[in-house]
């Protein structure tokens, strides 16, 4: 659920006390462990952590005018969400994270990058802190660029559909080679041949 809050303070003020306390606890972990080149602010209607343009001028490839997203923290309708982009697309970090979380005995409810939780007690904050320390801005930029420059599925040229349609039209207009049908005897000749036989 996207908020229209223009600042982190305004976002927090709109939350019920229990959710505000959980979000604040996670914010403290980020503040104590994140790289100096990662900044907190409002991004995509939630609290965001991003690498600003002065550190990474190209910005986010989907929206270059925006800074490179690193993480996000949000209050959703039925749960709280922590988006850990640093875990997306970098299997060694992801493998370590899942194993470290499992050792705590807490349940991990996670998609590709989104960790869903109800209360701060659902999170092993020490594992989260270590995950943030393991991926400083420079390492994250390297992972991010490797994903962008890695093997991608082949894309057809923009006019591929038109080329296929044109080729199809040519094949339809060409006269197909067919065998000549066998000559049939005229009905009158067949009747005469039957009388003689």
N, C-alpha and C. Protein backbone atom coordinates (compact mmCIF):
# COMPACT_ATOMS: atom_id res chain seq x y z
N UNK A 1 0.85 -1.16 0.00
CA UNK A 1 0.00 0.00 0.00
C UNK A 1 0.90 1.23 0.00
N UNK A 2 0.80 2.04 -1.05
CA UNK A 2 1.65 3.22 -1.17
C UNK A 2 1.10 4.38 -0.37
N UNK A 3 2.00 5.04 0.34
CA UNK A 3 1.62 6.21 1.13
C UNK A 3 1.88 7.47 0.32
N UNK A 4 1.12 8.51 0.60
CA UNK A 4 1.36 9.81 -0.05
C UNK A 4 2.24 10.71 0.82
N UNK A 5 2.77 10.15 1.90
CA UNK A 5 3.63 10.93 2.80
C UNK A 5 4.85 11.44 2.03
N UNK A 6 5.24 12.66 2.31
CA UNK A 6 6.39 13.26 1.62
C UNK A 6 7.68 13.13 2.41
N UNK A 7 7.61 12.64 3.63
CA UNK A 7 8.81 12.47 4.44
C UNK A 7 8.67 11.22 5.30
N UNK A 8 9.79 10.72 5.78
CA UNK A 8 9.78 9.54 6.64
C UNK A 8 9.01 9.84 7.92
N UNK A 9 9.22 11.02 8.48
CA UNK A 9 8.53 11.41 9.73
C UNK A 9 7.01 11.40 9.52
N UNK A 10 6.57 11.91 8.38
CA UNK A 10 5.14 11.95 8.09
C UNK A 10 4.60 10.52 7.89
N UNK A 11 5.38 9.68 7.23
CA UNK A 11 4.99 8.28 7.02
C UNK A 11 4.79 7.59 8.37
N UNK A 12 5.76 7.75 9.26
CA UNK A 12 5.69 7.11 10.57
C UNK A 12 4.51 7.62 11.38
N UNK A 13 4.22 8.90 11.27
CA UNK A 13 3.12 9.50 12.04
C UNK A 13 1.77 8.92 11.64
N UNK A 14 1.67 8.42 10.42
CA UNK A 14 0.40 7.86 9.93
C UNK A 14 0.18 6.41 10.38
N UNK A 15 1.19 5.78 10.96
CA UNK A 15 1.09 4.37 11.32
C UNK A 15 0.51 4.18 12.72
N UNK A 16 -0.20 3.06 12.96
CA UNK A 16 -0.62 2.74 14.32
C UNK A 16 0.62 2.47 15.18
N UNK A 17 0.54 2.68 16.50
CA UNK A 17 1.73 2.58 17.36
C UNK A 17 2.51 1.28 17.25
N UNK A 18 1.82 0.13 17.15
CA UNK A 18 2.55 -1.14 17.10
C UNK A 18 3.36 -1.27 15.81
N UNK A 19 2.78 -0.84 14.70
CA UNK A 19 3.50 -0.90 13.42
C UNK A 19 4.63 0.12 13.39
N UNK A 20 4.38 1.28 13.94
CA UNK A 20 5.42 2.31 13.99
C UNK A 20 6.63 1.78 14.77
N UNK A 21 6.38 1.10 15.88
CA UNK A 21 7.47 0.57 16.71
C UNK A 21 8.28 -0.47 15.93
N UNK A 22 7.60 -1.33 15.18
CA UNK A 22 8.29 -2.36 14.40
C UNK A 22 9.14 -1.73 13.29
N UNK A 23 8.55 -0.77 12.59
CA UNK A 23 9.29 -0.08 11.51
C UNK A 23 10.50 0.66 12.08
N UNK A 24 10.31 1.32 13.23
CA UNK A 24 11.41 2.06 13.86
C UNK A 24 12.55 1.12 14.24
N UNK A 25 12.23 -0.07 14.72
CA UNK A 25 13.26 -1.04 15.10
C UNK A 25 14.11 -1.44 13.89
N UNK A 26 13.44 -1.65 12.76
CA UNK A 26 14.17 -2.02 11.54
C UNK A 26 14.99 -0.83 11.04
N UNK A 27 14.45 0.37 11.14
CA UNK A 27 15.19 1.57 10.73
C UNK A 27 16.48 1.71 11.54
N UNK A 28 16.43 1.39 12.82
CA UNK A 28 17.63 1.48 13.66
C UNK A 28 18.71 0.52 13.18
N UNK A 29 18.29 -0.67 12.72
CA UNK A 29 19.25 -1.64 12.20
C UNK A 29 19.92 -1.08 10.94
N UNK A 30 19.12 -0.48 10.05
CA UNK A 30 19.70 0.13 8.84
C UNK A 30 20.65 1.26 9.22
N UNK A 31 20.22 2.14 10.08
CA UNK A 31 21.04 3.30 10.46
C UNK A 31 22.39 2.87 11.03
N UNK A 32 22.40 1.80 11.81
CA UNK A 32 23.63 1.36 12.47
C UNK A 32 24.55 0.54 11.56
N UNK A 33 24.03 0.01 10.46
CA UNK A 33 24.82 -0.95 9.67
C UNK A 33 25.00 -0.61 8.20
N UNK A 34 24.24 0.33 7.67
CA UNK A 34 24.35 0.56 6.24
C UNK A 34 25.55 1.46 5.90
N UNK A 35 26.02 1.26 4.70
CA UNK A 35 27.12 2.03 4.13
C UNK A 35 26.75 3.52 4.11
N UNK A 36 27.75 4.37 4.25
CA UNK A 36 27.51 5.83 4.24
C UNK A 36 26.97 6.32 2.90
N UNK A 37 27.15 5.52 1.82
CA UNK A 37 26.66 5.92 0.49
C UNK A 37 25.22 5.49 0.23
N UNK A 38 24.57 4.94 1.23
CA UNK A 38 23.15 4.57 1.11
C UNK A 38 22.35 5.56 1.94
N UNK A 39 21.29 6.11 1.37
CA UNK A 39 20.51 7.15 2.05
C UNK A 39 19.07 6.71 2.26
N UNK A 40 18.50 7.16 3.37
CA UNK A 40 17.09 6.90 3.67
C UNK A 40 16.24 8.04 3.14
N UNK A 41 15.05 7.72 2.66
CA UNK A 41 14.10 8.73 2.19
C UNK A 41 12.79 8.06 1.82
N UNK A 42 11.91 8.79 1.20
CA UNK A 42 10.66 8.22 0.72
C UNK A 42 10.82 7.82 -0.74
N UNK A 43 10.57 6.56 -1.02
CA UNK A 43 10.67 6.03 -2.39
C UNK A 43 9.46 5.12 -2.63
N UNK A 44 8.77 5.32 -3.74
CA UNK A 44 7.66 4.45 -4.13
C UNK A 44 6.59 4.32 -3.03
N UNK A 45 6.33 5.40 -2.32
CA UNK A 45 5.29 5.40 -1.31
C UNK A 45 5.63 4.62 -0.06
N UNK A 46 6.91 4.41 0.19
CA UNK A 46 7.36 3.71 1.40
C UNK A 46 8.71 4.29 1.82
N UNK A 47 9.19 3.86 2.98
CA UNK A 47 10.53 4.26 3.39
C UNK A 47 11.50 3.50 2.51
N UNK A 48 12.39 4.24 1.86
CA UNK A 48 13.33 3.60 0.94
C UNK A 48 14.77 3.87 1.32
N UNK A 49 15.62 2.96 0.92
CA UNK A 49 17.07 3.11 1.07
C UNK A 49 17.63 3.01 -0.34
N UNK A 50 18.38 4.02 -0.74
CA UNK A 50 18.83 4.08 -2.12
C UNK A 50 20.24 4.65 -2.21
N UNK A 51 20.88 4.38 -3.35
CA UNK A 51 22.21 4.93 -3.63
C UNK A 51 21.99 6.15 -4.52
N UNK A 52 22.28 7.35 -4.01
CA UNK A 52 21.96 8.58 -4.74
C UNK A 52 22.80 8.78 -6.00
N UNK A 53 22.34 9.70 -6.85
CA UNK A 53 23.01 9.96 -8.13
C UNK A 53 24.44 10.44 -7.96
N UNK A 54 24.74 11.14 -6.87
CA UNK A 54 26.13 11.59 -6.73
C UNK A 54 27.09 10.42 -6.51
N UNK A 55 26.56 9.29 -6.06
CA UNK A 55 27.37 8.08 -5.90
C UNK A 55 27.26 7.20 -7.14
N UNK A 56 26.06 7.07 -7.67
CA UNK A 56 25.82 6.24 -8.86
C UNK A 56 25.01 7.06 -9.87
N UNK A 57 25.69 7.85 -10.71
CA UNK A 57 25.01 8.77 -11.64
C UNK A 57 23.96 8.14 -12.56
N UNK A 58 24.16 6.89 -13.06
CA UNK A 58 23.13 6.36 -13.97
C UNK A 58 21.76 6.19 -13.34
N UNK A 59 21.69 6.05 -12.00
CA UNK A 59 20.41 5.85 -11.34
C UNK A 59 19.81 4.48 -11.66
N UNK A 60 18.52 4.36 -11.37
CA UNK A 60 17.80 3.11 -11.57
C UNK A 60 17.51 2.93 -13.06
N UNK A 61 17.87 1.79 -13.64
CA UNK A 61 17.75 1.63 -15.09
C UNK A 61 16.31 1.77 -15.59
N UNK A 62 15.31 1.41 -14.77
CA UNK A 62 13.91 1.56 -15.19
C UNK A 62 13.47 3.02 -15.18
N UNK A 63 14.03 3.80 -14.26
CA UNK A 63 13.72 5.23 -14.15
C UNK A 63 15.02 5.95 -13.79
N UNK A 64 15.84 6.28 -14.79
CA UNK A 64 17.15 6.86 -14.51
C UNK A 64 17.13 8.16 -13.69
N UNK A 65 15.98 8.84 -13.67
CA UNK A 65 15.89 10.06 -12.86
C UNK A 65 15.81 9.76 -11.37
N UNK A 66 15.61 8.49 -11.02
CA UNK A 66 15.51 8.10 -9.61
C UNK A 66 16.79 7.41 -9.16
N UNK A 67 17.12 7.49 -7.85
CA UNK A 67 18.33 6.83 -7.37
C UNK A 67 18.17 5.31 -7.42
N UNK A 68 19.29 4.61 -7.31
CA UNK A 68 19.28 3.15 -7.38
C UNK A 68 18.72 2.57 -6.09
N UNK A 69 17.56 1.87 -6.13
CA UNK A 69 16.97 1.32 -4.91
C UNK A 69 17.84 0.21 -4.30
N UNK A 70 17.96 0.25 -2.99
CA UNK A 70 18.74 -0.75 -2.25
C UNK A 70 17.82 -1.59 -1.36
N UNK A 71 16.89 -0.92 -0.69
CA UNK A 71 15.94 -1.63 0.19
C UNK A 71 14.71 -0.76 0.39
N UNK A 72 13.64 -1.36 0.89
CA UNK A 72 12.41 -0.63 1.18
C UNK A 72 11.73 -1.20 2.40
N UNK A 73 10.98 -0.37 3.09
CA UNK A 73 10.32 -0.77 4.33
C UNK A 73 8.91 -0.19 4.30
N UNK A 74 7.90 -1.06 4.42
CA UNK A 74 6.53 -0.59 4.25
C UNK A 74 5.54 -1.28 5.17
N UNK A 75 4.49 -0.54 5.49
CA UNK A 75 3.34 -1.10 6.20
C UNK A 75 2.28 -1.40 5.15
N UNK A 76 1.98 -2.69 4.96
CA UNK A 76 0.99 -3.10 3.98
C UNK A 76 -0.34 -3.37 4.69
N UNK A 77 -1.36 -3.75 3.94
CA UNK A 77 -2.68 -3.97 4.53
C UNK A 77 -2.65 -5.06 5.60
N UNK A 78 -2.00 -6.19 5.31
CA UNK A 78 -2.05 -7.34 6.22
C UNK A 78 -0.72 -7.71 6.87
N UNK A 79 0.32 -6.99 6.54
CA UNK A 79 1.64 -7.31 7.09
C UNK A 79 2.59 -6.13 6.88
N UNK A 80 3.79 -6.28 7.39
CA UNK A 80 4.86 -5.32 7.13
C UNK A 80 5.79 -5.95 6.10
N UNK A 81 6.42 -5.14 5.29
CA UNK A 81 7.30 -5.66 4.24
C UNK A 81 8.67 -5.02 4.31
N UNK A 82 9.67 -5.85 4.12
CA UNK A 82 11.04 -5.38 4.01
C UNK A 82 11.57 -5.88 2.67
N UNK A 83 11.86 -4.95 1.77
CA UNK A 83 12.35 -5.30 0.44
C UNK A 83 13.87 -5.22 0.45
N UNK A 84 14.52 -6.38 0.33
CA UNK A 84 15.98 -6.44 0.37
C UNK A 84 16.52 -6.71 -1.04
N UNK A 85 16.64 -5.65 -1.82
CA UNK A 85 17.09 -5.80 -3.20
C UNK A 85 18.51 -6.36 -3.28
N UNK A 86 19.29 -6.17 -2.24
CA UNK A 86 20.66 -6.69 -2.23
C UNK A 86 20.69 -8.21 -2.25
N UNK A 87 19.58 -8.86 -1.90
CA UNK A 87 19.51 -10.32 -1.91
C UNK A 87 19.00 -10.85 -3.25
N UNK A 88 18.48 -9.96 -4.08
CA UNK A 88 17.87 -10.37 -5.34
C UNK A 88 18.96 -10.50 -6.41
N UNK A 89 19.06 -11.64 -7.01
CA UNK A 89 19.99 -11.81 -8.12
C UNK A 89 21.42 -12.10 -7.72
N UNK A 90 21.71 -12.20 -6.42
CA UNK A 90 23.08 -12.55 -6.00
C UNK A 90 23.00 -13.78 -5.11
N UNK A 91 23.14 -14.95 -5.76
CA UNK A 91 22.87 -16.22 -5.09
C UNK A 91 23.75 -16.49 -3.86
N UNK A 92 25.05 -16.17 -3.88
CA UNK A 92 25.84 -16.43 -2.67
C UNK A 92 25.31 -15.71 -1.43
N UNK A 93 24.92 -14.44 -1.59
CA UNK A 93 24.38 -13.67 -0.47
C UNK A 93 23.03 -14.23 -0.05
N UNK A 94 22.22 -14.58 -1.01
CA UNK A 94 20.90 -15.13 -0.73
C UNK A 94 21.02 -16.47 0.02
N UNK A 95 21.93 -17.32 -0.42
CA UNK A 95 22.13 -18.63 0.23
C UNK A 95 22.58 -18.44 1.68
N UNK A 96 23.55 -17.55 1.87
CA UNK A 96 24.02 -17.27 3.24
C UNK A 96 22.86 -16.77 4.11
N UNK A 97 22.08 -15.82 3.58
CA UNK A 97 21.00 -15.19 4.32
C UNK A 97 19.97 -16.23 4.77
N UNK A 98 19.53 -17.07 3.86
CA UNK A 98 18.51 -18.08 4.17
C UNK A 98 19.03 -19.07 5.23
N UNK A 99 20.30 -19.46 5.12
CA UNK A 99 20.88 -20.39 6.09
C UNK A 99 21.00 -19.73 7.47
N UNK A 100 21.45 -18.48 7.50
CA UNK A 100 21.60 -17.76 8.77
C UNK A 100 20.24 -17.55 9.43
N UNK A 101 19.24 -17.23 8.65
CA UNK A 101 17.88 -17.04 9.18
C UNK A 101 17.36 -18.35 9.76
N UNK A 102 17.55 -19.44 9.01
CA UNK A 102 17.04 -20.75 9.45
C UNK A 102 17.63 -21.14 10.80
N UNK A 103 18.89 -20.82 11.02
CA UNK A 103 19.56 -21.17 12.29
C UNK A 103 18.90 -20.48 13.49
N UNK A 104 18.22 -19.37 13.26
CA UNK A 104 17.58 -18.65 14.36
C UNK A 104 16.28 -19.33 14.81
N UNK A 105 15.75 -20.23 13.98
CA UNK A 105 14.48 -20.89 14.30
C UNK A 105 13.26 -20.07 13.92
N UNK A 106 13.46 -18.89 13.37
CA UNK A 106 12.32 -18.06 12.96
C UNK A 106 11.91 -18.42 11.54
N UNK A 107 10.62 -18.29 11.26
CA UNK A 107 10.09 -18.61 9.93
C UNK A 107 10.42 -17.47 8.97
N UNK A 108 10.93 -17.82 7.79
CA UNK A 108 11.22 -16.83 6.75
C UNK A 108 10.11 -16.86 5.71
N UNK A 109 9.36 -15.76 5.62
CA UNK A 109 8.30 -15.61 4.61
C UNK A 109 8.83 -14.62 3.59
N UNK A 110 9.40 -15.16 2.52
CA UNK A 110 10.10 -14.29 1.57
C UNK A 110 9.84 -14.68 0.13
N UNK A 111 9.66 -13.67 -0.71
CA UNK A 111 9.58 -13.87 -2.15
C UNK A 111 10.97 -13.67 -2.74
N UNK A 112 11.05 -13.05 -3.93
CA UNK A 112 12.36 -12.82 -4.54
C UNK A 112 13.19 -11.84 -3.74
N UNK A 113 12.56 -10.80 -3.21
CA UNK A 113 13.30 -9.81 -2.42
C UNK A 113 12.49 -9.31 -1.23
N UNK A 114 11.23 -9.66 -1.15
CA UNK A 114 10.33 -9.12 -0.12
C UNK A 114 10.18 -10.08 1.05
N UNK A 115 10.54 -9.59 2.24
CA UNK A 115 10.36 -10.35 3.48
C UNK A 115 9.10 -9.81 4.15
N UNK A 116 8.12 -10.69 4.37
CA UNK A 116 6.87 -10.29 5.02
C UNK A 116 6.92 -10.67 6.50
N UNK A 117 6.50 -9.74 7.37
CA UNK A 117 6.49 -10.02 8.80
C UNK A 117 5.35 -9.27 9.47
N UNK A 118 4.94 -9.74 10.64
CA UNK A 118 3.83 -9.12 11.38
C UNK A 118 4.35 -8.21 12.49
N UNK A 119 5.37 -8.69 13.19
CA UNK A 119 5.95 -7.90 14.28
C UNK A 119 7.47 -7.97 14.18
N UNK A 120 8.15 -7.11 14.89
CA UNK A 120 9.61 -7.10 14.86
C UNK A 120 10.17 -8.40 15.43
N UNK A 121 9.40 -9.09 16.28
CA UNK A 121 9.86 -10.37 16.84
C UNK A 121 9.98 -11.46 15.78
N UNK A 122 9.36 -11.25 14.61
CA UNK A 122 9.47 -12.22 13.52
C UNK A 122 10.82 -12.13 12.82
N UNK A 123 11.56 -11.05 13.08
CA UNK A 123 12.83 -10.80 12.38
C UNK A 123 14.04 -11.09 13.26
N UNK A 124 15.02 -11.84 12.75
CA UNK A 124 16.30 -11.94 13.46
C UNK A 124 17.13 -10.70 13.10
N UNK A 125 17.07 -9.69 13.92
CA UNK A 125 17.69 -8.41 13.59
C UNK A 125 19.19 -8.50 13.40
N UNK A 126 19.85 -9.44 14.09
CA UNK A 126 21.29 -9.59 13.92
C UNK A 126 21.62 -10.12 12.52
N UNK A 127 20.77 -11.00 11.98
CA UNK A 127 20.97 -11.52 10.62
C UNK A 127 20.74 -10.39 9.61
N UNK A 128 19.72 -9.60 9.85
CA UNK A 128 19.45 -8.46 8.98
C UNK A 128 20.62 -7.49 8.98
N UNK A 129 21.16 -7.21 10.17
CA UNK A 129 22.30 -6.30 10.30
C UNK A 129 23.50 -6.81 9.51
N UNK A 130 23.77 -8.11 9.62
CA UNK A 130 24.90 -8.69 8.90
C UNK A 130 24.68 -8.65 7.40
N UNK A 131 23.44 -8.88 6.95
CA UNK A 131 23.13 -8.82 5.52
C UNK A 131 23.39 -7.43 4.97
N UNK A 132 23.04 -6.41 5.73
CA UNK A 132 23.27 -5.02 5.29
C UNK A 132 24.77 -4.74 5.23
N UNK A 133 25.51 -5.20 6.24
CA UNK A 133 26.97 -4.97 6.26
C UNK A 133 27.67 -5.71 5.13
N UNK A 134 27.16 -6.89 4.78
CA UNK A 134 27.78 -7.69 3.72
C UNK A 134 27.66 -7.06 2.34
N UNK A 135 26.67 -6.19 2.16
CA UNK A 135 26.45 -5.61 0.83
C UNK A 135 26.52 -4.08 0.92
N UNK A 136 27.73 -3.52 1.01
CA UNK A 136 27.85 -2.06 0.96
C UNK A 136 27.51 -1.56 -0.44
N UNK A 137 27.42 -0.26 -0.59
CA UNK A 137 26.99 0.34 -1.87
C UNK A 137 27.83 -0.14 -3.05
N UNK A 138 29.15 -0.17 -2.89
CA UNK A 138 30.01 -0.55 -4.01
C UNK A 138 29.73 -1.98 -4.47
N UNK A 139 29.61 -2.91 -3.52
CA UNK A 139 29.32 -4.31 -3.86
C UNK A 139 27.95 -4.44 -4.52
N UNK A 140 26.97 -3.68 -3.99
CA UNK A 140 25.63 -3.74 -4.56
C UNK A 140 25.62 -3.24 -6.00
N UNK A 141 26.34 -2.16 -6.26
CA UNK A 141 26.42 -1.62 -7.63
C UNK A 141 27.03 -2.67 -8.56
N UNK A 142 28.08 -3.36 -8.09
CA UNK A 142 28.70 -4.41 -8.92
C UNK A 142 27.72 -5.53 -9.23
N UNK A 143 26.95 -5.98 -8.21
CA UNK A 143 25.95 -7.04 -8.43
C UNK A 143 24.89 -6.55 -9.43
N UNK A 144 24.46 -5.32 -9.21
CA UNK A 144 23.40 -4.73 -10.04
C UNK A 144 23.83 -4.65 -11.50
N UNK A 145 25.04 -4.15 -11.73
CA UNK A 145 25.52 -4.02 -13.11
C UNK A 145 25.76 -5.38 -13.75
N UNK A 146 26.20 -6.35 -12.95
CA UNK A 146 26.39 -7.70 -13.49
C UNK A 146 25.05 -8.28 -13.95
N UNK A 147 23.99 -8.02 -13.19
CA UNK A 147 22.66 -8.50 -13.59
C UNK A 147 22.22 -7.81 -14.89
N UNK A 148 22.47 -6.51 -14.99
CA UNK A 148 22.06 -5.77 -16.19
C UNK A 148 22.83 -6.23 -17.41
N UNK A 149 24.11 -6.54 -17.23
CA UNK A 149 24.98 -6.86 -18.36
C UNK A 149 25.11 -8.35 -18.61
N UNK A 150 24.47 -9.16 -17.77
CA UNK A 150 24.55 -10.62 -17.92
C UNK A 150 23.75 -11.11 -19.10
N UNK A 151 23.75 -12.44 -19.31
CA UNK A 151 22.99 -12.98 -20.45
C UNK A 151 21.51 -12.69 -20.33
N UNK A 152 20.94 -12.23 -21.39
CA UNK A 152 19.50 -11.93 -21.42
C UNK A 152 18.86 -12.72 -22.54
N UNK A 153 17.56 -12.96 -22.43
CA UNK A 153 16.89 -13.68 -23.53
C UNK A 153 16.95 -12.85 -24.81
N UNK A 154 17.10 -13.56 -25.94
CA UNK A 154 17.14 -12.86 -27.22
C UNK A 154 15.79 -12.20 -27.48
N UNK A 155 15.87 -10.96 -27.93
CA UNK A 155 14.64 -10.25 -28.26
C UNK A 155 14.54 -10.12 -29.77
N UNK A 156 13.34 -10.28 -30.29
CA UNK A 156 13.14 -10.10 -31.72
C UNK A 156 13.23 -8.62 -32.05
N UNK A 157 13.66 -8.29 -33.27
CA UNK A 157 13.63 -6.88 -33.65
C UNK A 157 12.21 -6.35 -33.62
N UNK A 158 12.07 -5.05 -33.48
CA UNK A 158 10.74 -4.43 -33.35
C UNK A 158 9.84 -4.77 -34.54
N UNK A 159 10.42 -4.94 -35.73
CA UNK A 159 9.60 -5.19 -36.92
C UNK A 159 9.51 -6.68 -37.26
N UNK A 160 9.87 -7.56 -36.29
CA UNK A 160 9.86 -9.01 -36.57
C UNK A 160 8.48 -9.50 -36.94
N UNK A 161 7.45 -9.00 -36.26
CA UNK A 161 6.08 -9.42 -36.56
C UNK A 161 5.69 -9.06 -37.98
N UNK A 162 6.07 -7.86 -38.41
CA UNK A 162 5.74 -7.41 -39.77
C UNK A 162 6.49 -8.27 -40.79
N UNK A 163 7.76 -8.62 -40.46
CA UNK A 163 8.54 -9.46 -41.38
C UNK A 163 7.91 -10.85 -41.52
N UNK A 164 7.45 -11.40 -40.39
CA UNK A 164 6.81 -12.72 -40.45
C UNK A 164 5.52 -12.65 -41.27
N UNK A 165 4.74 -11.59 -41.06
CA UNK A 165 3.47 -11.43 -41.80
C UNK A 165 3.73 -11.32 -43.30
N UNK A 166 4.80 -10.57 -43.65
CA UNK A 166 5.14 -10.39 -45.06
C UNK A 166 5.56 -11.72 -45.68
N UNK A 167 6.37 -12.48 -44.93
CA UNK A 167 6.82 -13.80 -45.42
C UNK A 167 5.62 -14.72 -45.60
N UNK A 168 4.67 -14.66 -44.66
CA UNK A 168 3.47 -15.48 -44.75
C UNK A 168 2.64 -15.12 -45.96
N UNK A 169 2.55 -13.83 -46.27
CA UNK A 169 1.77 -13.37 -47.43
C UNK A 169 2.40 -13.89 -48.71
N UNK A 170 3.76 -13.87 -48.77
CA UNK A 170 4.44 -14.38 -49.97
C UNK A 170 4.16 -15.85 -50.18
N UNK A 171 4.18 -16.64 -49.09
CA UNK A 171 3.99 -18.08 -49.24
C UNK A 171 2.56 -18.41 -49.64
N UNK A 172 1.60 -17.57 -49.20
CA UNK A 172 0.20 -17.81 -49.57
C UNK A 172 -0.02 -17.46 -51.03
N UNK A 173 0.63 -16.38 -51.51
CA UNK A 173 0.39 -15.94 -52.88
C UNK A 173 1.10 -16.84 -53.90
N UNK A 174 2.15 -17.53 -53.47
CA UNK A 174 2.85 -18.43 -54.40
C UNK A 174 1.94 -19.63 -54.70
N UNK A 175 1.96 -20.06 -55.99
CA UNK A 175 1.10 -21.18 -56.39
C UNK A 175 1.73 -22.48 -55.88
N UNK A 176 0.98 -23.23 -55.10
CA UNK A 176 1.54 -24.49 -54.60
C UNK A 176 1.68 -25.51 -55.71
N UNK A 177 2.76 -26.29 -55.65
CA UNK A 177 2.95 -27.36 -56.64
C UNK A 177 2.06 -28.52 -56.24
N UNK A 178 1.16 -28.94 -57.17
CA UNK A 178 0.26 -30.06 -56.87
C UNK A 178 0.29 -31.06 -58.00
N UNK A 179 0.03 -32.28 -57.67
CA UNK A 179 -0.04 -33.33 -58.71
C UNK A 179 -1.30 -33.15 -59.53
N UNK A 180 -1.19 -33.50 -60.84
CA UNK A 180 -2.36 -33.36 -61.70
C UNK A 180 -3.36 -34.44 -61.34
N UNK A 181 -4.66 -34.07 -61.22
CA UNK A 181 -5.66 -35.09 -60.88
C UNK A 181 -5.84 -36.06 -62.05
N UNK A 182 -6.16 -37.31 -61.73
CA UNK A 182 -6.40 -38.32 -62.78
C UNK A 182 -7.64 -37.95 -63.57
N UNK A 183 -7.57 -38.21 -64.93
CA UNK A 183 -8.71 -37.86 -65.77
C UNK A 183 -9.86 -38.82 -65.51
N UNK A 184 -11.03 -38.25 -65.38
CA UNK A 184 -12.21 -39.08 -65.15
C UNK A 184 -12.93 -39.27 -66.49
N UNK A 185 -13.46 -40.46 -66.65
CA UNK A 185 -14.24 -40.72 -67.87
C UNK A 185 -15.57 -40.02 -67.75
N UNK A 186 -16.05 -39.51 -68.87
CA UNK A 186 -17.36 -38.86 -68.89
C UNK A 186 -18.42 -39.90 -68.61
N UNK A 187 -19.55 -39.54 -67.98
CA UNK A 187 -20.60 -40.51 -67.62
C UNK A 187 -21.12 -41.30 -68.79
N UNK A 188 -21.27 -40.67 -69.96
CA UNK A 188 -21.81 -41.40 -71.15
C UNK A 188 -20.87 -42.48 -71.60
N UNK A 189 -19.54 -42.19 -71.60
CA UNK A 189 -18.54 -43.17 -72.01
C UNK A 189 -18.50 -44.33 -71.03
N UNK A 190 -18.66 -44.04 -69.71
CA UNK A 190 -18.66 -45.11 -68.70
C UNK A 190 -19.83 -46.06 -68.93
N UNK A 191 -21.00 -45.51 -69.26
CA UNK A 191 -22.19 -46.34 -69.48
C UNK A 191 -22.02 -47.23 -70.71
N UNK A 192 -21.42 -46.68 -71.79
CA UNK A 192 -21.21 -47.47 -73.02
C UNK A 192 -20.23 -48.59 -72.76
N UNK A 193 -19.17 -48.28 -71.97
CA UNK A 193 -18.15 -49.31 -71.68
C UNK A 193 -18.76 -50.42 -70.84
N UNK A 194 -19.72 -50.07 -69.94
CA UNK A 194 -20.35 -51.08 -69.10
C UNK A 194 -21.22 -52.01 -69.94
N UNK A 195 -21.93 -51.49 -70.99
CA UNK A 195 -22.77 -52.31 -71.83
C UNK A 195 -21.96 -53.31 -72.62
N UNK A 196 -20.76 -52.83 -73.10
CA UNK A 196 -19.92 -53.73 -73.90
C UNK A 196 -19.33 -54.83 -73.04
N UNK A 197 -19.07 -54.53 -71.78
CA UNK A 197 -18.36 -55.46 -70.91
C UNK A 197 -19.24 -56.55 -70.43
